[in-house]
Structures are given as C-alpha cells and as structure tokens.
PDB file of all heavy atoms in Angstrom:
ATOM      1  N   LYS A   1     117.764 103.571 115.796  1.00  0.00           N
ATOM      2  CA  LYS A   1     118.183 103.240 117.158  1.00  0.00           C
ATOM      3  C   LYS A   1     119.504 103.874 117.542  1.00  0.00           C
ATOM      4  O   LYS A   1     119.901 103.853 118.714  1.00  0.00           O
ATOM      5  CB  LYS A   1     118.297 101.713 117.332  1.00  0.00           C
ATOM      6  CG  LYS A   1     116.937 101.025 117.253  1.00  0.00           C
ATOM      7  CD  LYS A   1     117.042  99.526 117.430  1.00  0.00           C
ATOM      8  CE  LYS A   1     115.687  98.846 117.355  1.00  0.00           C
ATOM      9  NZ  LYS A   1     115.767  97.383 117.511  1.00  0.00           N
ATOM     10  N   THR A   2     120.201 104.495 116.554  1.00  0.00           N
ATOM     11  CA  THR A   2     121.500 105.077 116.850  1.00  0.00           C
ATOM     12  C   THR A   2     121.545 106.582 116.572  1.00  0.00           C
ATOM     13  O   THR A   2     122.580 107.215 116.764  1.00  0.00           O
ATOM     14  CB  THR A   2     122.606 104.404 116.000  1.00  0.00           C
ATOM     15  OG1 THR A   2     122.284 104.476 114.612  1.00  0.00           O
ATOM     16  CG2 THR A   2     122.796 102.940 116.411  1.00  0.00           C
ATOM     17  N   VAL A   3     120.435 107.185 116.148  1.00  0.00           N
ATOM     18  CA  VAL A   3     120.414 108.604 115.870  1.00  0.00           C
ATOM     19  C   VAL A   3     120.308 109.367 117.199  1.00  0.00           C
ATOM     20  O   VAL A   3     119.615 108.943 118.143  1.00  0.00           O
ATOM     21  CB  VAL A   3     119.263 108.989 114.923  1.00  0.00           C
ATOM     22  CG1 VAL A   3     117.911 108.761 115.544  1.00  0.00           C
ATOM     23  CG2 VAL A   3     119.416 110.414 114.422  1.00  0.00           C
ATOM     24  N   ALA A   4     121.000 110.496 117.299  1.00  0.00           N
ATOM     25  CA  ALA A   4     121.037 111.281 118.519  1.00  0.00           C
ATOM     26  C   ALA A   4     119.780 112.128 118.698  1.00  0.00           C
ATOM     27  O   ALA A   4     118.972 112.287 117.754  1.00  0.00           O
ATOM     28  CB  ALA A   4     122.259 112.199 118.501  1.00  0.00           C
ATOM     29  N   PHE A   5     119.628 112.674 119.891  1.00  0.00           N
ATOM     30  CA  PHE A   5     118.572 113.655 120.149  1.00  0.00           C
ATOM     31  C   PHE A   5     118.728 114.828 119.149  1.00  0.00           C
ATOM     32  O   PHE A   5     119.804 115.355 118.931  1.00  0.00           O
ATOM     33  CB  PHE A   5     118.715 114.183 121.586  1.00  0.00           C
ATOM     34  CG  PHE A   5     117.865 115.389 121.878  1.00  0.00           C
ATOM     35  CD1 PHE A   5     116.487 115.255 122.062  1.00  0.00           C
ATOM     36  CD2 PHE A   5     118.418 116.664 121.984  1.00  0.00           C
ATOM     37  CE1 PHE A   5     115.694 116.345 122.350  1.00  0.00           C
ATOM     38  CE2 PHE A   5     117.645 117.768 122.296  1.00  0.00           C
ATOM     39  CZ  PHE A   5     116.268 117.612 122.467  1.00  0.00           C
ATOM     40  N   GLU A   6     117.614 115.158 118.501  1.00  0.00           N
ATOM     41  CA  GLU A   6     117.574 116.184 117.442  1.00  0.00           C
ATOM     42  C   GLU A   6     118.489 115.816 116.260  1.00  0.00           C
ATOM     43  O   GLU A   6     118.947 116.689 115.531  1.00  0.00           O
ATOM     44  CB  GLU A   6     117.941 117.564 117.977  1.00  0.00           C
ATOM     45  CG  GLU A   6     116.869 118.128 118.916  1.00  0.00           C
ATOM     46  CD  GLU A   6     117.008 119.612 119.174  1.00  0.00           C
ATOM     47  OE1 GLU A   6     118.144 120.112 119.168  1.00  0.00           O
ATOM     48  OE2 GLU A   6     115.965 120.270 119.404  1.00  0.00           O
ATOM     49  N   GLY A   7     118.705 114.512 116.058  1.00  0.00           N
ATOM     50  CA  GLY A   7     119.484 114.057 114.934  1.00  0.00           C
ATOM     51  C   GLY A   7     118.665 114.025 113.658  1.00  0.00           C
ATOM     52  O   GLY A   7     117.444 114.235 113.686  1.00  0.00           O
ATOM     53  N   ARG A   8     119.345 113.746 112.548  1.00  0.00           N
ATOM     54  CA  ARG A   8     118.695 113.747 111.267  1.00  0.00           C
ATOM     55  C   ARG A   8     119.074 112.458 110.493  1.00  0.00           C
ATOM     56  O   ARG A   8     120.281 112.212 110.320  1.00  0.00           O
ATOM     57  CB  ARG A   8     119.107 114.957 110.421  1.00  0.00           C
ATOM     58  CG  ARG A   8     118.592 116.289 110.970  1.00  0.00           C
ATOM     59  CD  ARG A   8     119.507 116.864 112.067  1.00  0.00           C
ATOM     60  NE  ARG A   8     120.717 117.482 111.504  1.00  0.00           N
ATOM     61  CZ  ARG A   8     121.788 117.734 112.268  1.00  0.00           C
ATOM     62  NH1 ARG A   8     121.822 117.423 113.560  1.00  0.00           N
ATOM     63  NH2 ARG A   8     122.861 118.310 111.719  1.00  0.00           N
ATOM     64  N   ILE A   9     118.092 111.725 110.036  1.00  0.00           N
ATOM     65  CA  ILE A   9     118.327 110.549 109.214  1.00  0.00           C
ATOM     66  C   ILE A   9     118.025 110.945 107.754  1.00  0.00           C
ATOM     67  O   ILE A   9     116.909 111.351 107.444  1.00  0.00           O
ATOM     68  CB  ILE A   9     117.446 109.357 109.612  1.00  0.00           C
ATOM     69  CG1 ILE A   9     117.719 108.934 111.052  1.00  0.00           C
ATOM     70  CG2 ILE A   9     117.670 108.183 108.654  1.00  0.00           C
ATOM     71  CD1 ILE A   9     116.780 107.864 111.568  1.00  0.00           C
ATOM     72  N   VAL A  10     119.031 110.841 106.881  1.00  0.00           N
ATOM     73  CA  VAL A  10     118.852 111.172 105.480  1.00  0.00           C
ATOM     74  C   VAL A  10     118.630 109.887 104.682  1.00  0.00           C
ATOM     75  O   VAL A  10     119.530 109.044 104.606  1.00  0.00           O
ATOM     76  CB  VAL A  10     120.062 111.929 104.917  1.00  0.00           C
ATOM     77  CG1 VAL A  10     119.795 112.397 103.488  1.00  0.00           C
ATOM     78  CG2 VAL A  10     120.417 113.152 105.799  1.00  0.00           C
ATOM     79  N   VAL A  11     117.462 109.728 104.141  1.00  0.00           N
ATOM     80  CA  VAL A  11     117.107 108.550 103.354  1.00  0.00           C
ATOM     81  C   VAL A  11     117.476 108.816 101.907  1.00  0.00           C
ATOM     82  O   VAL A  11     116.918 109.666 101.229  1.00  0.00           O
ATOM     83  CB  VAL A  11     115.591 108.241 103.468  1.00  0.00           C
ATOM     84  CG1 VAL A  11     115.237 107.041 102.606  1.00  0.00           C
ATOM     85  CG2 VAL A  11     115.207 108.005 104.938  1.00  0.00           C
ATOM     86  N   VAL A  12     118.490 108.040 101.426  1.00  0.00           N
ATOM     87  CA  VAL A  12     119.047 108.266 100.101  1.00  0.00           C
ATOM     88  C   VAL A  12     118.603 107.199  99.084  1.00  0.00           C
ATOM     89  O   VAL A  12     118.494 107.458  97.878  1.00  0.00           O
ATOM     90  CB  VAL A  12     120.581 108.343 100.160  1.00  0.00           C
ATOM     91  CG1 VAL A  12     121.184 108.651  98.815  1.00  0.00           C
ATOM     92  CG2 VAL A  12     121.032 109.370 101.199  1.00  0.00           C
ATOM     93  N   GLY A  13     118.403 106.017  99.555  1.00  0.00           N
ATOM     94  CA  GLY A  13     118.015 104.926  98.629  1.00  0.00           C
ATOM     95  C   GLY A  13     117.801 103.636  99.399  1.00  0.00           C
ATOM     96  O   GLY A  13     117.837 103.578 100.632  1.00  0.00           O
ATOM     97  N   PHE A  14     117.552 102.568  98.635  1.00  0.00           N
ATOM     98  CA  PHE A  14     117.185 101.273  99.233  1.00  0.00           C
ATOM     99  C   PHE A  14     117.938 100.152  98.532  1.00  0.00           C
ATOM    100  O   PHE A  14     117.372  99.276  97.950  1.00  0.00           O
ATOM    101  CB  PHE A  14     115.688 101.058  99.117  1.00  0.00           C
ATOM    102  CG  PHE A  14     114.877 102.261  99.575  1.00  0.00           C
ATOM    103  CD1 PHE A  14     114.249 103.075  98.645  1.00  0.00           C
ATOM    104  CD2 PHE A  14     114.791 102.584 100.915  1.00  0.00           C
ATOM    105  CE1 PHE A  14     113.546 104.190  99.055  1.00  0.00           C
ATOM    106  CE2 PHE A  14     114.070 103.689 101.341  1.00  0.00           C
ATOM    107  CZ  PHE A  14     113.437 104.501 100.411  1.00  0.00           C
ATOM    108  N   ALA A  15     119.277 100.241  98.634  1.00  0.00           N
ATOM    109  CA  ALA A  15     120.112  99.226  97.990  1.00  0.00           C
ATOM    110  C   ALA A  15     119.862  97.810  98.484  1.00  0.00           C
ATOM    111  O   ALA A  15     120.139  96.834  97.806  1.00  0.00           O
ATOM    112  CB  ALA A  15     121.600  99.577  98.140  1.00  0.00           C
ATOM    113  N   SER A  16     119.339  97.693  99.717  1.00  0.00           N
ATOM    114  CA  SER A  16     119.022  96.381 100.270  1.00  0.00           C
ATOM    115  C   SER A  16     117.844  95.736  99.551  1.00  0.00           C
ATOM    116  O   SER A  16     117.649  94.523  99.674  1.00  0.00           O
ATOM    117  CB  SER A  16     118.712  96.509 101.754  1.00  0.00           C
ATOM    118  OG  SER A  16     117.513  97.240 101.941  1.00  0.00           O
ATOM    119  N   GLY A  17     117.072  96.544  98.840  1.00  0.00           N
ATOM    120  CA  GLY A  17     115.886  96.041  98.202  1.00  0.00           C
ATOM    121  C   GLY A  17     114.644  96.077  99.059  1.00  0.00           C
ATOM    122  O   GLY A  17     113.554  95.758  98.616  1.00  0.00           O
ATOM    123  N   THR A  18     114.792  96.512 100.327  1.00  0.00           N
ATOM    124  CA  THR A  18     113.663  96.598 101.247  1.00  0.00           C
ATOM    125  C   THR A  18     113.423  98.049 101.649  1.00  0.00           C
ATOM    126  O   THR A  18     114.327  98.738 102.155  1.00  0.00           O
ATOM    127  CB  THR A  18     113.962  95.782 102.528  1.00  0.00           C
ATOM    128  OG1 THR A  18     114.190  94.411 102.154  1.00  0.00           O
ATOM    129  CG2 THR A  18     112.783  95.847 103.485  1.00  0.00           C
ATOM    130  N   ILE A  19     112.221  98.524 101.396  1.00  0.00           N
ATOM    131  CA  ILE A  19     111.832  99.881 101.784  1.00  0.00           C
ATOM    132  C   ILE A  19     111.218  99.817 103.186  1.00  0.00           C
ATOM    133  O   ILE A  19     110.179  99.201 103.378  1.00  0.00           O
ATOM    134  CB  ILE A  19     110.845 100.473 100.790  1.00  0.00           C
ATOM    135  CG1 ILE A  19     111.469 100.548  99.377  1.00  0.00           C
ATOM    136  CG2 ILE A  19     110.394 101.854 101.222  1.00  0.00           C
ATOM    137  CD1 ILE A  19     110.516 101.003  98.288  1.00  0.00           C
ATOM    138  N   PRO A  20     111.857 100.470 104.159  1.00  0.00           N
ATOM    139  CA  PRO A  20     111.342 100.387 105.546  1.00  0.00           C
ATOM    140  C   PRO A  20     110.077 101.227 105.744  1.00  0.00           C
ATOM    141  O   PRO A  20     109.801 102.164 104.975  1.00  0.00           O
ATOM    142  CB  PRO A  20     112.496 100.934 106.383  1.00  0.00           C
ATOM    143  CG  PRO A  20     113.219 101.836 105.449  1.00  0.00           C
ATOM    144  CD  PRO A  20     113.092 101.265 104.067  1.00  0.00           C
ATOM    145  N   SER A  21     109.340 100.898 106.765  1.00  0.00           N
ATOM    146  CA  SER A  21     108.169 101.687 107.178  1.00  0.00           C
ATOM    147  C   SER A  21     108.496 102.304 108.547  1.00  0.00           C
ATOM    148  O   SER A  21     108.370 101.633 109.573  1.00  0.00           O
ATOM    149  CB  SER A  21     106.926 100.799 107.283  1.00  0.00           C
ATOM    150  OG  SER A  21     106.629 100.213 106.030  1.00  0.00           O
ATOM    151  N   PRO A  22     108.912 103.575 108.557  1.00  0.00           N
ATOM    152  CA  PRO A  22     109.334 104.161 109.830  1.00  0.00           C
ATOM    153  C   PRO A  22     108.199 104.226 110.850  1.00  0.00           C
ATOM    154  O   PRO A  22     107.051 104.496 110.521  1.00  0.00           O
ATOM    155  CB  PRO A  22     109.770 105.594 109.412  1.00  0.00           C
ATOM    156  CG  PRO A  22     109.986 105.524 107.952  1.00  0.00           C
ATOM    157  CD  PRO A  22     109.066 104.491 107.437  1.00  0.00           C
ATOM    158  N   ALA A  23     108.553 104.007 112.129  1.00  0.00           N
ATOM    159  CA  ALA A  23     107.625 104.168 113.217  1.00  0.00           C
ATOM    160  C   ALA A  23     107.655 105.662 113.631  1.00  0.00           C
ATOM    161  O   ALA A  23     108.578 106.105 114.293  1.00  0.00           O
ATOM    162  CB  ALA A  23     108.025 103.292 114.397  1.00  0.00           C
ATOM    163  N   LEU A  24     106.663 106.407 113.209  1.00  0.00           N
ATOM    164  CA  LEU A  24     106.674 107.845 113.425  1.00  0.00           C
ATOM    165  C   LEU A  24     106.548 108.187 114.927  1.00  0.00           C
ATOM    166  O   LEU A  24     106.995 109.249 115.348  1.00  0.00           O
ATOM    167  CB  LEU A  24     105.572 108.517 112.631  1.00  0.00           C
ATOM    168  CG  LEU A  24     105.722 108.406 111.103  1.00  0.00           C
ATOM    169  CD1 LEU A  24     104.646 109.216 110.418  1.00  0.00           C
ATOM    170  CD2 LEU A  24     107.091 108.844 110.650  1.00  0.00           C
ATOM    171  N   ASN A  25     105.937 107.309 115.702  1.00  0.00           N
ATOM    172  CA  ASN A  25     105.900 107.552 117.134  1.00  0.00           C
ATOM    173  C   ASN A  25     107.300 107.527 117.735  1.00  0.00           C
ATOM    174  O   ASN A  25     107.590 108.236 118.680  1.00  0.00           O
ATOM    175  CB  ASN A  25     104.991 106.520 117.839  1.00  0.00           C
ATOM    176  CG  ASN A  25     105.502 105.103 117.661  1.00  0.00           C
ATOM    177  OD1 ASN A  25     105.941 104.714 116.584  1.00  0.00           O
ATOM    178  ND2 ASN A  25     105.420 104.301 118.723  1.00  0.00           N
ATOM    179  N   HIS A  26     108.162 106.715 117.153  1.00  0.00           N
ATOM    180  CA  HIS A  26     109.550 106.667 117.624  1.00  0.00           C
ATOM    181  C   HIS A  26     110.268 107.962 117.314  1.00  0.00           C
ATOM    182  O   HIS A  26     111.019 108.494 118.150  1.00  0.00           O
ATOM    183  CB  HIS A  26     110.283 105.486 116.989  1.00  0.00           C
ATOM    184  CG  HIS A  26     111.619 105.176 117.559  1.00  0.00           C
ATOM    185  ND1 HIS A  26     112.799 105.590 116.933  1.00  0.00           N
ATOM    186  CD2 HIS A  26     111.985 104.559 118.687  1.00  0.00           C
ATOM    187  CE1 HIS A  26     113.830 105.185 117.689  1.00  0.00           C
ATOM    188  NE2 HIS A  26     113.346 104.548 118.732  1.00  0.00           N
ATOM    189  N   ALA A  27     110.056 108.506 116.105  1.00  0.00           N
ATOM    190  CA  ALA A  27     110.653 109.800 115.756  1.00  0.00           C
ATOM    191  C   ALA A  27     110.140 110.893 116.687  1.00  0.00           C
ATOM    192  O   ALA A  27     110.875 111.813 117.041  1.00  0.00           O
ATOM    193  CB  ALA A  27     110.316 110.146 114.307  1.00  0.00           C
ATOM    194  N   LEU A  28     108.880 110.792 117.083  1.00  0.00           N
ATOM    195  CA  LEU A  28     108.285 111.793 117.968  1.00  0.00           C
ATOM    196  C   LEU A  28     108.912 111.739 119.356  1.00  0.00           C
ATOM    197  O   LEU A  28     109.361 112.772 119.894  1.00  0.00           O
ATOM    198  CB  LEU A  28     106.787 111.561 118.041  1.00  0.00           C
ATOM    199  CG  LEU A  28     105.930 112.559 118.832  1.00  0.00           C
ATOM    200  CD1 LEU A  28     104.521 112.600 118.274  1.00  0.00           C
ATOM    201  CD2 LEU A  28     105.859 112.161 120.339  1.00  0.00           C
ATOM    202  N   VAL A  29     108.947 110.534 119.955  1.00  0.00           N
ATOM    203  CA  VAL A  29     109.423 110.495 121.339  1.00  0.00           C
ATOM    204  C   VAL A  29     110.921 110.684 121.450  1.00  0.00           C
ATOM    205  O   VAL A  29     111.422 111.038 122.519  1.00  0.00           O
ATOM    206  CB  VAL A  29     109.003 109.137 122.004  1.00  0.00           C
ATOM    207  CG1 VAL A  29     107.508 108.990 122.003  1.00  0.00           C
ATOM    208  CG2 VAL A  29     109.661 107.953 121.306  1.00  0.00           C
ATOM    209  N   LYS A  30     111.659 110.451 120.339  1.00  0.00           N
ATOM    210  CA  LYS A  30     113.131 110.587 120.392  1.00  0.00           C
ATOM    211  C   LYS A  30     113.618 111.928 119.811  1.00  0.00           C
ATOM    212  O   LYS A  30     114.790 112.232 119.875  1.00  0.00           O
ATOM    213  CB  LYS A  30     113.766 109.416 119.668  1.00  0.00           C
ATOM    214  CG  LYS A  30     115.243 109.172 120.044  1.00  0.00           C
ATOM    215  CD  LYS A  30     115.759 107.901 119.409  1.00  0.00           C
ATOM    216  CE  LYS A  30     117.221 107.724 119.667  1.00  0.00           C
ATOM    217  NZ  LYS A  30     117.793 106.525 119.053  1.00  0.00           N
ATOM    218  N   ASN A  31     112.677 112.678 119.233  1.00  0.00           N
ATOM    219  CA  ASN A  31     113.015 114.001 118.697  1.00  0.00           C
ATOM    220  C   ASN A  31     114.090 113.925 117.595  1.00  0.00           C
ATOM    221  O   ASN A  31     115.153 114.533 117.696  1.00  0.00           O
ATOM    222  CB  ASN A  31     113.508 114.952 119.794  1.00  0.00           C
ATOM    223  CG  ASN A  31     112.409 115.837 120.329  1.00  0.00           C
ATOM    224  OD1 ASN A  31     111.272 115.396 120.464  1.00  0.00           O
ATOM    225  ND2 ASN A  31     112.733 117.095 120.582  1.00  0.00           N
ATOM    226  N   TYR A  32     113.817 113.178 116.537  1.00  0.00           N
ATOM    227  CA  TYR A  32     114.723 113.219 115.388  1.00  0.00           C
ATOM    228  C   TYR A  32     113.933 113.402 114.099  1.00  0.00           C
ATOM    229  O   TYR A  32     112.710 113.247 114.066  1.00  0.00           O
ATOM    230  CB  TYR A  32     115.596 111.926 115.320  1.00  0.00           C
ATOM    231  CG  TYR A  32     114.810 110.622 115.115  1.00  0.00           C
ATOM    232  CD1 TYR A  32     114.459 110.193 113.832  1.00  0.00           C
ATOM    233  CD2 TYR A  32     114.535 109.796 116.172  1.00  0.00           C
ATOM    234  CE1 TYR A  32     113.809 108.989 113.649  1.00  0.00           C
ATOM    235  CE2 TYR A  32     113.889 108.583 115.997  1.00  0.00           C
ATOM    236  CZ  TYR A  32     113.521 108.206 114.703  1.00  0.00           C
ATOM    237  OH  TYR A  32     112.869 106.996 114.532  1.00  0.00           O
ATOM    238  N   SER A  33     114.643 113.779 113.050  1.00  0.00           N
ATOM    239  CA  SER A  33     114.003 114.063 111.762  1.00  0.00           C
ATOM    240  C   SER A  33     114.359 112.986 110.756  1.00  0.00           C
ATOM    241  O   SER A  33     115.476 112.450 110.749  1.00  0.00           O
ATOM    242  CB  SER A  33     114.488 115.428 111.222  1.00  0.00           C
ATOM    243  OG  SER A  33     114.216 116.453 112.143  1.00  0.00           O
ATOM    244  N   ILE A  34     113.390 112.694 109.895  1.00  0.00           N
ATOM    245  CA  ILE A  34     113.597 111.752 108.776  1.00  0.00           C
ATOM    246  C   ILE A  34     113.518 112.604 107.506  1.00  0.00           C
ATOM    247  O   ILE A  34     112.475 113.201 107.206  1.00  0.00           O
ATOM    248  CB  ILE A  34     112.536 110.657 108.763  1.00  0.00           C
ATOM    249  CG1 ILE A  34     112.514 109.889 110.079  1.00  0.00           C
ATOM    250  CG2 ILE A  34     112.789 109.690 107.593  1.00  0.00           C
ATOM    251  CD1 ILE A  34     111.327 108.985 110.251  1.00  0.00           C
ATOM    252  N   LEU A  35     114.616 112.677 106.786  1.00  0.00           N
ATOM    253  CA  LEU A  35     114.698 113.573 105.615  1.00  0.00           C
ATOM    254  C   LEU A  35     114.886 112.732 104.345  1.00  0.00           C
ATOM    255  O   LEU A  35     115.764 111.883 104.255  1.00  0.00           O
ATOM    256  CB  LEU A  35     115.903 114.503 105.764  1.00  0.00           C
ATOM    257  CG  LEU A  35     115.932 115.351 107.043  1.00  0.00           C
ATOM    258  CD1 LEU A  35     117.293 116.059 107.144  1.00  0.00           C
ATOM    259  CD2 LEU A  35     114.803 116.352 107.046  1.00  0.00           C
ATOM    260  N   GLY A  36     114.056 112.985 103.346  1.00  0.00           N
ATOM    261  CA  GLY A  36     114.226 112.332 102.043  1.00  0.00           C
ATOM    262  C   GLY A  36     115.163 113.139 101.157  1.00  0.00           C
ATOM    263  O   GLY A  36     115.198 114.376 101.250  1.00  0.00           O
TER     264      GLY A  36
END
C-alpha cells in the first residue's frame, strides 16, 4: 500500500512468522515489482 508507481518490493524474509500471499492483481494495476 506504500510502494510507488514502478516501485520494487524486495522480499527478504518472514521474521513475523507469517508468509503473505500477494494479490497479483494489485501489483498489476499499481505497476510495481515483487522481488525475491
């Protein structure tokens, strides 16, 4: 919800213990990348 247009989210780990399930339609309509 805070990544910019053409922004990049770098997924490094899951210290919270919860692995999220990204909504890929959200990445599509907002034009951002999810990088492992």
